[in-house]
Protein backbone atom coordinates (compact mmCIF):
# COMPACT_ATOMS: atom_id res chain seq x y z
CA UNK A 1 0.00 0.00 0.00
CA UNK A 2 1.77 3.12 -1.27
CA UNK A 3 0.93 6.49 0.25
CA UNK A 4 2.54 9.91 -0.10
CA UNK A 5 3.02 12.33 2.77
CA UNK A 6 2.86 15.83 1.30
CA UNK A 7 3.53 19.35 2.53
CA UNK A 8 3.90 22.74 0.88
CA UNK A 9 5.22 26.16 1.81
CA UNK A 10 3.82 29.34 0.27
CA UNK A 11 4.25 33.10 0.06
CA UNK A 12 0.96 33.68 1.88
CA UNK A 13 -2.49 32.30 2.59
CA UNK A 14 -4.50 32.53 -0.62
CA UNK A 15 -3.50 31.76 -4.22
CA UNK A 16 -6.51 33.70 -5.50
CA UNK A 17 -5.00 36.80 -3.91
CA UNK A 18 -1.79 36.28 -5.85
CA UNK A 19 0.19 34.08 -3.43
CA UNK A 20 2.24 31.18 -4.78
CA UNK A 21 4.04 28.00 -3.79
CA UNK A 22 7.63 28.25 -2.59
CA UNK A 23 8.36 24.61 -1.74
CA UNK A 24 6.89 21.12 -2.15
CA UNK A 25 7.97 18.12 -0.10
CA UNK A 26 6.81 14.51 -0.49
CA UNK A 27 7.71 11.27 1.28
CA UNK A 28 6.79 7.76 0.15
CA UNK A 29 5.25 5.31 2.62
CA UNK A 30 4.60 1.62 2.13
CA UNK A 31 2.17 0.17 4.71
CA UNK A 32 2.46 3.46 6.66
CA UNK A 33 6.28 3.22 6.93
CA UNK A 34 8.81 5.49 5.11
CA UNK A 35 10.75 3.82 2.31
CA UNK A 36 13.41 6.53 2.02
CA UNK A 37 12.10 7.81 -1.32
CA UNK A 38 11.51 11.55 -1.21
CA UNK A 39 10.71 14.45 -3.48
CA UNK A 40 11.61 18.01 -2.54
CA UNK A 41 11.68 21.13 -4.65
CA UNK A 42 12.07 24.83 -3.96
CA UNK A 43 10.03 26.97 -6.36
CA UNK A 44 10.54 30.49 -7.62
CA UNK A 45 7.20 32.21 -6.82
CA UNK A 46 8.00 35.16 -9.09
CA UNK A 47 6.78 37.56 -6.43
CA UNK A 48 7.66 38.89 -3.00
CA UNK A 49 7.07 36.82 0.13
CA UNK A 50 4.92 38.07 2.97
CA UNK A 51 6.62 38.92 6.24
CA UNK A 52 4.61 36.26 8.06
CA UNK A 53 5.56 33.52 5.57
CA UNK A 54 9.21 34.53 5.61
CA UNK A 55 9.20 34.40 9.40
CA UNK A 56 7.68 30.89 9.41
CA UNK A 57 9.73 29.30 6.60
CA UNK A 58 12.90 31.38 6.48
CA UNK A 59 12.59 31.46 2.68
CA UNK A 60 13.27 34.76 0.91
CA UNK A 61 12.73 35.97 -2.63
CA UNK A 62 16.50 36.35 -2.98
CA UNK A 63 17.03 32.67 -2.03
CA UNK A 64 14.32 31.37 -4.38
CA UNK A 65 14.96 33.51 -7.47
CA UNK A 66 17.30 30.98 -9.13
CA UNK A 67 15.00 27.97 -8.59
CA UNK A 68 12.57 26.79 -11.31
CA UNK A 69 9.00 28.04 -11.55
CA UNK A 70 6.17 25.58 -10.95
CA UNK A 71 5.57 24.87 -14.64
CA UNK A 72 9.11 23.44 -14.90
CA UNK A 73 8.67 20.98 -12.05
CA UNK A 74 4.98 20.04 -12.39
CA UNK A 75 5.63 16.82 -14.34
CA UNK A 76 8.26 15.51 -11.91
CA UNK A 77 5.94 16.25 -8.99
CA UNK A 78 2.95 14.53 -10.62
CA UNK A 79 5.08 11.54 -11.64
CA UNK A 80 6.25 11.10 -8.05
CA UNK A 81 2.81 11.15 -6.42
CA UNK A 82 1.07 9.13 -9.16
CA UNK A 83 -2.53 8.45 -8.19
CA UNK A 84 -1.70 7.19 -4.70
CA UNK A 85 -3.33 8.50 -1.50
CA UNK A 86 -1.96 11.83 -0.23
CA UNK A 87 -1.49 12.32 3.51
CA UNK A 88 -1.69 16.03 4.31
CA UNK A 89 -2.16 18.00 7.52
CA UNK A 90 -4.90 20.56 6.82
CA UNK A 91 -5.33 19.32 3.27
CA UNK A 92 -7.64 22.13 2.15
CA UNK A 93 -4.78 24.63 2.36
CA UNK A 94 -2.19 22.63 0.38
CA UNK A 95 -4.68 21.40 -2.23
CA UNK A 96 -5.95 24.93 -2.81
CA UNK A 97 -2.45 26.03 -3.83
CA UNK A 98 -1.53 22.89 -5.77
CA UNK A 99 -4.78 22.83 -7.74
CA UNK A 100 -4.51 26.54 -8.47
CA UNK A 101 -1.01 26.06 -9.91
CA UNK A 102 -2.14 23.07 -11.97
CA UNK A 103 -5.14 24.97 -13.32
CA UNK A 104 -2.86 27.78 -14.51
CA UNK A 105 -1.10 25.19 -16.68
CA UNK A 106 -4.41 23.75 -17.95
CA UNK A 107 -3.67 20.55 -16.04
CA UNK A 108 -6.28 18.57 -14.13
CA UNK A 109 -6.55 19.22 -10.39
CA UNK A 110 -5.65 16.45 -7.95
CA UNK A 111 -8.88 14.47 -7.99
CA UNK A 112 -7.62 10.93 -8.67
CA UNK A 113 -5.64 10.85 -5.41
CA UNK A 114 -7.55 9.86 -2.27
CA UNK A 115 -6.89 12.52 0.39
CA UNK A 116 -6.16 11.62 4.01
CA UNK A 117 -6.30 14.74 6.19
CA UNK A 118 -4.50 14.06 9.47
CA UNK A 119 -5.97 17.24 10.94
CA UNK A 120 -9.48 15.81 10.53
CA UNK A 121 -8.37 12.44 11.94
CA UNK A 122 -6.78 14.08 14.99
CA UNK A 123 -9.83 16.26 15.67
CA UNK A 124 -12.05 13.20 15.48
CA UNK A 125 -9.83 11.08 17.75
CA UNK A 126 -9.06 13.86 20.25
CA UNK A 127 -12.05 16.24 20.19
CA UNK A 128 -11.38 19.57 21.85
CA UNK A 129 -7.61 19.03 22.01
CA UNK A 130 -5.01 21.01 20.03
CA UNK A 131 -4.45 19.32 16.67
CA UNK A 132 -1.57 21.25 15.11
CA UNK A 133 1.43 19.25 13.94
CA UNK A 134 3.48 20.49 16.91
CA UNK A 135 0.68 19.58 19.34
CA UNK A 136 0.43 16.07 17.90
CA UNK A 137 4.21 15.66 18.14
CA UNK A 138 3.96 16.52 21.83
CA UNK A 139 1.05 14.11 22.31
CA UNK A 140 2.93 11.21 20.71
CA UNK A 141 6.32 12.21 22.18
CA UNK A 142 7.84 12.77 18.73
CA UNK A 143 11.01 14.88 18.78
CA UNK A 144 10.35 18.05 16.78
CA UNK A 145 13.22 20.16 18.12
CA UNK A 146 14.64 20.48 14.58
CA UNK A 147 11.49 22.30 13.50
CA UNK A 148 12.71 25.78 14.31
CA UNK A 149 11.39 26.81 10.87
CA UNK A 150 8.71 25.20 8.73
CA UNK A 151 10.22 23.22 5.88
CA UNK A 152 8.30 20.88 3.59
CA UNK A 153 10.51 17.81 4.09
CA UNK A 154 10.96 18.37 7.82
CA UNK A 155 7.20 18.62 8.18
CA UNK A 156 6.71 15.51 6.00
CA UNK A 157 9.03 13.53 8.25
CA UNK A 158 7.16 14.61 11.39
CA UNK A 159 3.78 14.06 9.77
CA UNK A 160 4.77 10.54 8.71
CA UNK A 161 5.52 9.73 12.36
CA UNK A 162 2.27 11.33 13.53
CA UNK A 163 0.30 9.44 10.87
CA UNK A 164 1.88 6.18 12.00
CA UNK A 165 0.76 6.86 15.59
CA UNK A 166 -2.74 7.82 14.46
CA UNK A 167 -2.90 4.39 12.81
CA UNK A 168 -1.86 2.48 15.90
CA UNK A 169 1.92 2.86 15.88
CA UNK A 170 4.75 0.82 14.41
CA UNK A 171 3.47 -2.48 15.83
CA UNK A 172 0.31 -2.34 13.72
CA UNK A 173 2.13 -1.26 10.56
CA UNK A 174 4.81 -3.95 10.82
CA UNK A 175 2.05 -6.56 10.54
CA UNK A 176 1.43 -5.18 7.07
CA UNK A 177 -1.52 -5.48 4.78
CA UNK A 178 -2.36 -8.88 3.29
CA UNK A 179 -1.76 -9.09 -0.42
CA UNK A 180 -4.93 -9.03 -2.50
CA UNK A 181 -5.60 -12.39 -4.11
CA UNK A 182 -7.49 -12.39 -7.35
CA UNK A 183 -10.68 -14.42 -7.26
CA UNK A 184 -11.41 -16.34 -10.42
CA UNK A 185 -14.97 -17.56 -10.93
CA UNK A 186 -14.79 -21.03 -12.48
CA UNK A 187 -18.15 -20.42 -14.11
CA UNK A 188 -16.52 -17.77 -16.28
CA UNK A 189 -13.73 -20.05 -17.49
CA UNK A 190 -13.84 -22.23 -20.57
CA UNK A 191 -14.46 -25.88 -19.80
CA UNK A 192 -10.92 -26.83 -20.83
CA UNK A 193 -9.54 -24.32 -18.30
CA UNK A 194 -11.45 -25.71 -15.32
CA UNK A 195 -9.41 -27.46 -12.68
CA UNK A 196 -10.20 -31.18 -12.49
CA UNK A 197 -9.85 -32.94 -9.15
CA UNK A 198 -10.09 -36.69 -8.60
CA UNK A 199 -13.00 -37.63 -6.28
CA UNK A 200 -11.83 -38.64 -2.83
CA UNK A 201 -13.39 -41.47 -0.83
CA UNK A 202 -13.49 -40.79 2.91
CA UNK A 203 -14.30 -43.89 4.96
CA UNK A 204 -16.40 -43.38 8.05
CA UNK A 205 -15.67 -45.57 11.07
CA UNK A 206 -18.35 -47.48 13.03
CA UNK A 207 -17.64 -45.30 16.04
CA UNK A 208 -18.26 -42.12 14.00
CA UNK A 209 -21.54 -43.57 12.65
CA UNK A 210 -22.75 -44.33 16.18
CA UNK A 211 -21.78 -40.86 17.40
CA UNK A 212 -23.65 -39.31 14.50
CA UNK A 213 -26.78 -41.37 15.18
CA UNK A 214 -26.70 -40.32 18.85
CA UNK A 215 -26.33 -36.71 17.77
CA UNK A 216 -29.37 -37.01 15.46
CA UNK A 217 -31.50 -38.53 18.24
CA UNK A 218 -30.82 -35.55 20.49
CA UNK A 219 -31.89 -32.95 17.96
CA UNK A 220 -35.10 -31.23 19.04
CA UNK A 221 -36.14 -30.16 15.57
C-alpha atoms as a PDB file:
ATOM      1  CA  UNK A   1       0.000   0.000   0.000  1.00  0.00           C
ATOM      2  CA  UNK A   2       1.769   3.121  -1.275  1.00  0.00           C
ATOM      3  CA  UNK A   3       0.930   6.494   0.249  1.00  0.00           C
ATOM      4  CA  UNK A   4       2.542   9.907  -0.101  1.00  0.00           C
ATOM      5  CA  UNK A   5       3.015  12.331   2.770  1.00  0.00           C
ATOM      6  CA  UNK A   6       2.859  15.834   1.300  1.00  0.00           C
ATOM      7  CA  UNK A   7       3.527  19.352   2.534  1.00  0.00           C
ATOM      8  CA  UNK A   8       3.902  22.739   0.877  1.00  0.00           C
ATOM      9  CA  UNK A   9       5.219  26.162   1.806  1.00  0.00           C
ATOM     10  CA  UNK A  10       3.817  29.344   0.268  1.00  0.00           C
ATOM     11  CA  UNK A  11       4.247  33.104   0.062  1.00  0.00           C
ATOM     12  CA  UNK A  12       0.955  33.684   1.884  1.00  0.00           C
ATOM     13  CA  UNK A  13      -2.486  32.300   2.592  1.00  0.00           C
ATOM     14  CA  UNK A  14      -4.496  32.532  -0.623  1.00  0.00           C
ATOM     15  CA  UNK A  15      -3.495  31.757  -4.224  1.00  0.00           C
ATOM     16  CA  UNK A  16      -6.509  33.697  -5.500  1.00  0.00           C
ATOM     17  CA  UNK A  17      -4.998  36.798  -3.910  1.00  0.00           C
ATOM     18  CA  UNK A  18      -1.787  36.278  -5.849  1.00  0.00           C
ATOM     19  CA  UNK A  19       0.189  34.081  -3.435  1.00  0.00           C
ATOM     20  CA  UNK A  20       2.244  31.180  -4.782  1.00  0.00           C
ATOM     21  CA  UNK A  21       4.042  27.999  -3.785  1.00  0.00           C
ATOM     22  CA  UNK A  22       7.633  28.252  -2.587  1.00  0.00           C
ATOM     23  CA  UNK A  23       8.357  24.605  -1.738  1.00  0.00           C
ATOM     24  CA  UNK A  24       6.889  21.115  -2.151  1.00  0.00           C
ATOM     25  CA  UNK A  25       7.970  18.116  -0.099  1.00  0.00           C
ATOM     26  CA  UNK A  26       6.813  14.507  -0.487  1.00  0.00           C
ATOM     27  CA  UNK A  27       7.713  11.269   1.279  1.00  0.00           C
ATOM     28  CA  UNK A  28       6.792   7.763   0.149  1.00  0.00           C
ATOM     29  CA  UNK A  29       5.247   5.308   2.621  1.00  0.00           C
ATOM     30  CA  UNK A  30       4.600   1.618   2.133  1.00  0.00           C
ATOM     31  CA  UNK A  31       2.173   0.172   4.707  1.00  0.00           C
ATOM     32  CA  UNK A  32       2.461   3.461   6.658  1.00  0.00           C
ATOM     33  CA  UNK A  33       6.276   3.221   6.931  1.00  0.00           C
ATOM     34  CA  UNK A  34       8.806   5.488   5.105  1.00  0.00           C
ATOM     35  CA  UNK A  35      10.754   3.820   2.313  1.00  0.00           C
ATOM     36  CA  UNK A  36      13.415   6.533   2.020  1.00  0.00           C
ATOM     37  CA  UNK A  37      12.095   7.808  -1.323  1.00  0.00           C
ATOM     38  CA  UNK A  38      11.512  11.552  -1.208  1.00  0.00           C
ATOM     39  CA  UNK A  39      10.706  14.448  -3.483  1.00  0.00           C
ATOM     40  CA  UNK A  40      11.614  18.009  -2.538  1.00  0.00           C
ATOM     41  CA  UNK A  41      11.678  21.128  -4.653  1.00  0.00           C
ATOM     42  CA  UNK A  42      12.065  24.835  -3.956  1.00  0.00           C
ATOM     43  CA  UNK A  43      10.028  26.968  -6.359  1.00  0.00           C
ATOM     44  CA  UNK A  44      10.538  30.495  -7.624  1.00  0.00           C
ATOM     45  CA  UNK A  45       7.200  32.208  -6.824  1.00  0.00           C
ATOM     46  CA  UNK A  46       8.005  35.160  -9.085  1.00  0.00           C
ATOM     47  CA  UNK A  47       6.782  37.559  -6.430  1.00  0.00           C
ATOM     48  CA  UNK A  48       7.658  38.888  -2.997  1.00  0.00           C
ATOM     49  CA  UNK A  49       7.073  36.816   0.133  1.00  0.00           C
ATOM     50  CA  UNK A  50       4.922  38.070   2.973  1.00  0.00           C
ATOM     51  CA  UNK A  51       6.620  38.922   6.236  1.00  0.00           C
ATOM     52  CA  UNK A  52       4.609  36.261   8.063  1.00  0.00           C
ATOM     53  CA  UNK A  53       5.559  33.523   5.572  1.00  0.00           C
ATOM     54  CA  UNK A  54       9.210  34.526   5.611  1.00  0.00           C
ATOM     55  CA  UNK A  55       9.204  34.403   9.404  1.00  0.00           C
ATOM     56  CA  UNK A  56       7.682  30.894   9.407  1.00  0.00           C
ATOM     57  CA  UNK A  57       9.734  29.301   6.602  1.00  0.00           C
ATOM     58  CA  UNK A  58      12.904  31.377   6.484  1.00  0.00           C
ATOM     59  CA  UNK A  59      12.592  31.464   2.683  1.00  0.00           C
ATOM     60  CA  UNK A  60      13.268  34.756   0.914  1.00  0.00           C
ATOM     61  CA  UNK A  61      12.734  35.975  -2.629  1.00  0.00           C
ATOM     62  CA  UNK A  62      16.504  36.347  -2.979  1.00  0.00           C
ATOM     63  CA  UNK A  63      17.027  32.667  -2.031  1.00  0.00           C
ATOM     64  CA  UNK A  64      14.317  31.373  -4.383  1.00  0.00           C
ATOM     65  CA  UNK A  65      14.964  33.512  -7.471  1.00  0.00           C
ATOM     66  CA  UNK A  66      17.296  30.979  -9.127  1.00  0.00           C
ATOM     67  CA  UNK A  67      15.003  27.972  -8.588  1.00  0.00           C
ATOM     68  CA  UNK A  68      12.571  26.791 -11.309  1.00  0.00           C
ATOM     69  CA  UNK A  69       8.999  28.042 -11.550  1.00  0.00           C
ATOM     70  CA  UNK A  70       6.172  25.582 -10.948  1.00  0.00           C
ATOM     71  CA  UNK A  71       5.568  24.869 -14.638  1.00  0.00           C
ATOM     72  CA  UNK A  72       9.106  23.444 -14.904  1.00  0.00           C
ATOM     73  CA  UNK A  73       8.670  20.985 -12.048  1.00  0.00           C
ATOM     74  CA  UNK A  74       4.978  20.040 -12.387  1.00  0.00           C
ATOM     75  CA  UNK A  75       5.629  16.824 -14.341  1.00  0.00           C
ATOM     76  CA  UNK A  76       8.255  15.509 -11.908  1.00  0.00           C
ATOM     77  CA  UNK A  77       5.944  16.253  -8.995  1.00  0.00           C
ATOM     78  CA  UNK A  78       2.951  14.526 -10.616  1.00  0.00           C
ATOM     79  CA  UNK A  79       5.078  11.542 -11.641  1.00  0.00           C
ATOM     80  CA  UNK A  80       6.254  11.095  -8.054  1.00  0.00           C
ATOM     81  CA  UNK A  81       2.809  11.148  -6.424  1.00  0.00           C
ATOM     82  CA  UNK A  82       1.070   9.133  -9.162  1.00  0.00           C
ATOM     83  CA  UNK A  83      -2.532   8.446  -8.191  1.00  0.00           C
ATOM     84  CA  UNK A  84      -1.696   7.186  -4.700  1.00  0.00           C
ATOM     85  CA  UNK A  85      -3.327   8.503  -1.502  1.00  0.00           C
ATOM     86  CA  UNK A  86      -1.963  11.827  -0.232  1.00  0.00           C
ATOM     87  CA  UNK A  87      -1.489  12.320   3.506  1.00  0.00           C
ATOM     88  CA  UNK A  88      -1.691  16.028   4.312  1.00  0.00           C
ATOM     89  CA  UNK A  89      -2.158  18.004   7.520  1.00  0.00           C
ATOM     90  CA  UNK A  90      -4.899  20.564   6.817  1.00  0.00           C
ATOM     91  CA  UNK A  91      -5.331  19.315   3.267  1.00  0.00           C
ATOM     92  CA  UNK A  92      -7.635  22.134   2.146  1.00  0.00           C
ATOM     93  CA  UNK A  93      -4.777  24.627   2.360  1.00  0.00           C
ATOM     94  CA  UNK A  94      -2.193  22.632   0.376  1.00  0.00           C
ATOM     95  CA  UNK A  95      -4.680  21.399  -2.225  1.00  0.00           C
ATOM     96  CA  UNK A  96      -5.950  24.933  -2.810  1.00  0.00           C
ATOM     97  CA  UNK A  97      -2.452  26.031  -3.830  1.00  0.00           C
ATOM     98  CA  UNK A  98      -1.533  22.888  -5.774  1.00  0.00           C
ATOM     99  CA  UNK A  99      -4.779  22.833  -7.744  1.00  0.00           C
ATOM    100  CA  UNK A 100      -4.509  26.540  -8.469  1.00  0.00           C
ATOM    101  CA  UNK A 101      -1.013  26.058  -9.908  1.00  0.00           C
ATOM    102  CA  UNK A 102      -2.140  23.072 -11.974  1.00  0.00           C
ATOM    103  CA  UNK A 103      -5.138  24.966 -13.319  1.00  0.00           C
ATOM    104  CA  UNK A 104      -2.855  27.780 -14.510  1.00  0.00           C
ATOM    105  CA  UNK A 105      -1.101  25.188 -16.675  1.00  0.00           C
ATOM    106  CA  UNK A 106      -4.412  23.752 -17.952  1.00  0.00           C
ATOM    107  CA  UNK A 107      -3.667  20.553 -16.045  1.00  0.00           C
ATOM    108  CA  UNK A 108      -6.276  18.569 -14.132  1.00  0.00           C
ATOM    109  CA  UNK A 109      -6.554  19.221 -10.390  1.00  0.00           C
ATOM    110  CA  UNK A 110      -5.647  16.451  -7.950  1.00  0.00           C
ATOM    111  CA  UNK A 111      -8.884  14.466  -7.995  1.00  0.00           C
ATOM    112  CA  UNK A 112      -7.624  10.932  -8.666  1.00  0.00           C
ATOM    113  CA  UNK A 113      -5.644  10.851  -5.414  1.00  0.00           C
ATOM    114  CA  UNK A 114      -7.548   9.863  -2.268  1.00  0.00           C
ATOM    115  CA  UNK A 115      -6.892  12.518   0.388  1.00  0.00           C
ATOM    116  CA  UNK A 116      -6.164  11.625   4.011  1.00  0.00           C
ATOM    117  CA  UNK A 117      -6.298  14.736   6.195  1.00  0.00           C
ATOM    118  CA  UNK A 118      -4.498  14.059   9.471  1.00  0.00           C
ATOM    119  CA  UNK A 119      -5.975  17.244  10.941  1.00  0.00           C
ATOM    120  CA  UNK A 120      -9.480  15.806  10.528  1.00  0.00           C
ATOM    121  CA  UNK A 121      -8.370  12.436  11.938  1.00  0.00           C
ATOM    122  CA  UNK A 122      -6.781  14.080  14.995  1.00  0.00           C
ATOM    123  CA  UNK A 123      -9.829  16.262  15.667  1.00  0.00           C
ATOM    124  CA  UNK A 124     -12.055  13.201  15.480  1.00  0.00           C
ATOM    125  CA  UNK A 125      -9.833  11.084  17.754  1.00  0.00           C
ATOM    126  CA  UNK A 126      -9.064  13.858  20.255  1.00  0.00           C
ATOM    127  CA  UNK A 127     -12.049  16.236  20.191  1.00  0.00           C
ATOM    128  CA  UNK A 128     -11.384  19.566  21.848  1.00  0.00           C
ATOM    129  CA  UNK A 129      -7.606  19.034  22.007  1.00  0.00           C
ATOM    130  CA  UNK A 130      -5.011  21.013  20.026  1.00  0.00           C
ATOM    131  CA  UNK A 131      -4.451  19.319  16.670  1.00  0.00           C
ATOM    132  CA  UNK A 132      -1.571  21.253  15.113  1.00  0.00           C
ATOM    133  CA  UNK A 133       1.431  19.250  13.937  1.00  0.00           C
ATOM    134  CA  UNK A 134       3.476  20.493  16.911  1.00  0.00           C
ATOM    135  CA  UNK A 135       0.678  19.581  19.342  1.00  0.00           C
ATOM    136  CA  UNK A 136       0.430  16.068  17.905  1.00  0.00           C
ATOM    137  CA  UNK A 137       4.208  15.660  18.141  1.00  0.00           C
ATOM    138  CA  UNK A 138       3.956  16.523  21.833  1.00  0.00           C
ATOM    139  CA  UNK A 139       1.054  14.111  22.312  1.00  0.00           C
ATOM    140  CA  UNK A 140       2.926  11.210  20.712  1.00  0.00           C
ATOM    141  CA  UNK A 141       6.320  12.213  22.181  1.00  0.00           C
ATOM    142  CA  UNK A 142       7.840  12.771  18.733  1.00  0.00           C
ATOM    143  CA  UNK A 143      11.008  14.882  18.781  1.00  0.00           C
ATOM    144  CA  UNK A 144      10.348  18.054  16.779  1.00  0.00           C
ATOM    145  CA  UNK A 145      13.219  20.155  18.116  1.00  0.00           C
ATOM    146  CA  UNK A 146      14.640  20.483  14.584  1.00  0.00           C
ATOM    147  CA  UNK A 147      11.490  22.297  13.500  1.00  0.00           C
ATOM    148  CA  UNK A 148      12.707  25.785  14.307  1.00  0.00           C
ATOM    149  CA  UNK A 149      11.394  26.813  10.872  1.00  0.00           C
ATOM    150  CA  UNK A 150       8.711  25.202   8.734  1.00  0.00           C
ATOM    151  CA  UNK A 151      10.223  23.216   5.880  1.00  0.00           C
ATOM    152  CA  UNK A 152       8.299  20.883   3.587  1.00  0.00           C
ATOM    153  CA  UNK A 153      10.514  17.815   4.087  1.00  0.00           C
ATOM    154  CA  UNK A 154      10.965  18.368   7.821  1.00  0.00           C
ATOM    155  CA  UNK A 155       7.196  18.617   8.177  1.00  0.00           C
ATOM    156  CA  UNK A 156       6.709  15.514   6.002  1.00  0.00           C
ATOM    157  CA  UNK A 157       9.033  13.531   8.253  1.00  0.00           C
ATOM    158  CA  UNK A 158       7.163  14.608  11.385  1.00  0.00           C
ATOM    159  CA  UNK A 159       3.776  14.062   9.768  1.00  0.00           C
ATOM    160  CA  UNK A 160       4.770  10.540   8.705  1.00  0.00           C
ATOM    161  CA  UNK A 161       5.515   9.733  12.358  1.00  0.00           C
ATOM    162  CA  UNK A 162       2.268  11.333  13.530  1.00  0.00           C
ATOM    163  CA  UNK A 163       0.299   9.442  10.867  1.00  0.00           C
ATOM    164  CA  UNK A 164       1.883   6.181  12.003  1.00  0.00           C
ATOM    165  CA  UNK A 165       0.762   6.858  15.589  1.00  0.00           C
ATOM    166  CA  UNK A 166      -2.743   7.824  14.460  1.00  0.00           C
ATOM    167  CA  UNK A 167      -2.900   4.394  12.808  1.00  0.00           C
ATOM    168  CA  UNK A 168      -1.856   2.478  15.899  1.00  0.00           C
ATOM    169  CA  UNK A 169       1.918   2.863  15.882  1.00  0.00           C
ATOM    170  CA  UNK A 170       4.747   0.822  14.411  1.00  0.00           C
ATOM    171  CA  UNK A 171       3.470  -2.479  15.831  1.00  0.00           C
ATOM    172  CA  UNK A 172       0.313  -2.339  13.724  1.00  0.00           C
ATOM    173  CA  UNK A 173       2.133  -1.258  10.562  1.00  0.00           C
ATOM    174  CA  UNK A 174       4.806  -3.953  10.820  1.00  0.00           C
ATOM    175  CA  UNK A 175       2.048  -6.558  10.540  1.00  0.00           C
ATOM    176  CA  UNK A 176       1.434  -5.176   7.072  1.00  0.00           C
ATOM    177  CA  UNK A 177      -1.523  -5.482   4.784  1.00  0.00           C
ATOM    178  CA  UNK A 178      -2.359  -8.877   3.286  1.00  0.00           C
ATOM    179  CA  UNK A 179      -1.761  -9.094  -0.424  1.00  0.00           C
ATOM    180  CA  UNK A 180      -4.926  -9.032  -2.500  1.00  0.00           C
ATOM    181  CA  UNK A 181      -5.600 -12.386  -4.112  1.00  0.00           C
ATOM    182  CA  UNK A 182      -7.493 -12.386  -7.347  1.00  0.00           C
ATOM    183  CA  UNK A 183     -10.683 -14.421  -7.255  1.00  0.00           C
ATOM    184  CA  UNK A 184     -11.415 -16.342 -10.419  1.00  0.00           C
ATOM    185  CA  UNK A 185     -14.970 -17.561 -10.931  1.00  0.00           C
ATOM    186  CA  UNK A 186     -14.786 -21.030 -12.478  1.00  0.00           C
ATOM    187  CA  UNK A 187     -18.150 -20.425 -14.107  1.00  0.00           C
ATOM    188  CA  UNK A 188     -16.519 -17.775 -16.277  1.00  0.00           C
ATOM    189  CA  UNK A 189     -13.732 -20.046 -17.490  1.00  0.00           C
ATOM    190  CA  UNK A 190     -13.839 -22.226 -20.567  1.00  0.00           C
ATOM    191  CA  UNK A 191     -14.456 -25.877 -19.797  1.00  0.00           C
ATOM    192  CA  UNK A 192     -10.924 -26.831 -20.829  1.00  0.00           C
ATOM    193  CA  UNK A 193      -9.536 -24.321 -18.300  1.00  0.00           C
ATOM    194  CA  UNK A 194     -11.454 -25.709 -15.316  1.00  0.00           C
ATOM    195  CA  UNK A 195      -9.409 -27.464 -12.684  1.00  0.00           C
ATOM    196  CA  UNK A 196     -10.203 -31.184 -12.487  1.00  0.00           C
ATOM    197  CA  UNK A 197      -9.849 -32.942  -9.152  1.00  0.00           C
ATOM    198  CA  UNK A 198     -10.089 -36.687  -8.599  1.00  0.00           C
ATOM    199  CA  UNK A 199     -13.003 -37.635  -6.279  1.00  0.00           C
ATOM    200  CA  UNK A 200     -11.833 -38.635  -2.830  1.00  0.00           C
ATOM    201  CA  UNK A 201     -13.391 -41.474  -0.827  1.00  0.00           C
ATOM    202  CA  UNK A 202     -13.487 -40.791   2.908  1.00  0.00           C
ATOM    203  CA  UNK A 203     -14.302 -43.890   4.956  1.00  0.00           C
ATOM    204  CA  UNK A 204     -16.396 -43.383   8.052  1.00  0.00           C
ATOM    205  CA  UNK A 205     -15.665 -45.574  11.068  1.00  0.00           C
ATOM    206  CA  UNK A 206     -18.352 -47.476  13.025  1.00  0.00           C
ATOM    207  CA  UNK A 207     -17.639 -45.297  16.036  1.00  0.00           C
ATOM    208  CA  UNK A 208     -18.256 -42.124  14.001  1.00  0.00           C
ATOM    209  CA  UNK A 209     -21.537 -43.572  12.646  1.00  0.00           C
ATOM    210  CA  UNK A 210     -22.750 -44.332  16.179  1.00  0.00           C
ATOM    211  CA  UNK A 211     -21.779 -40.861  17.403  1.00  0.00           C
ATOM    212  CA  UNK A 212     -23.649 -39.312  14.495  1.00  0.00           C
ATOM    213  CA  UNK A 213     -26.779 -41.372  15.178  1.00  0.00           C
ATOM    214  CA  UNK A 214     -26.703 -40.320  18.846  1.00  0.00           C
ATOM    215  CA  UNK A 215     -26.326 -36.707  17.767  1.00  0.00           C
ATOM    216  CA  UNK A 216     -29.372 -37.010  15.456  1.00  0.00           C
ATOM    217  CA  UNK A 217     -31.502 -38.530  18.238  1.00  0.00           C
ATOM    218  CA  UNK A 218     -30.821 -35.555  20.491  1.00  0.00           C
ATOM    219  CA  UNK A 219     -31.886 -32.952  17.958  1.00  0.00           C
ATOM    220  CA  UNK A 220     -35.099 -31.227  19.042  1.00  0.00           C
ATOM    221  CA  UNK A 221     -36.140 -30.163  15.568  1.00  0.00           C
END
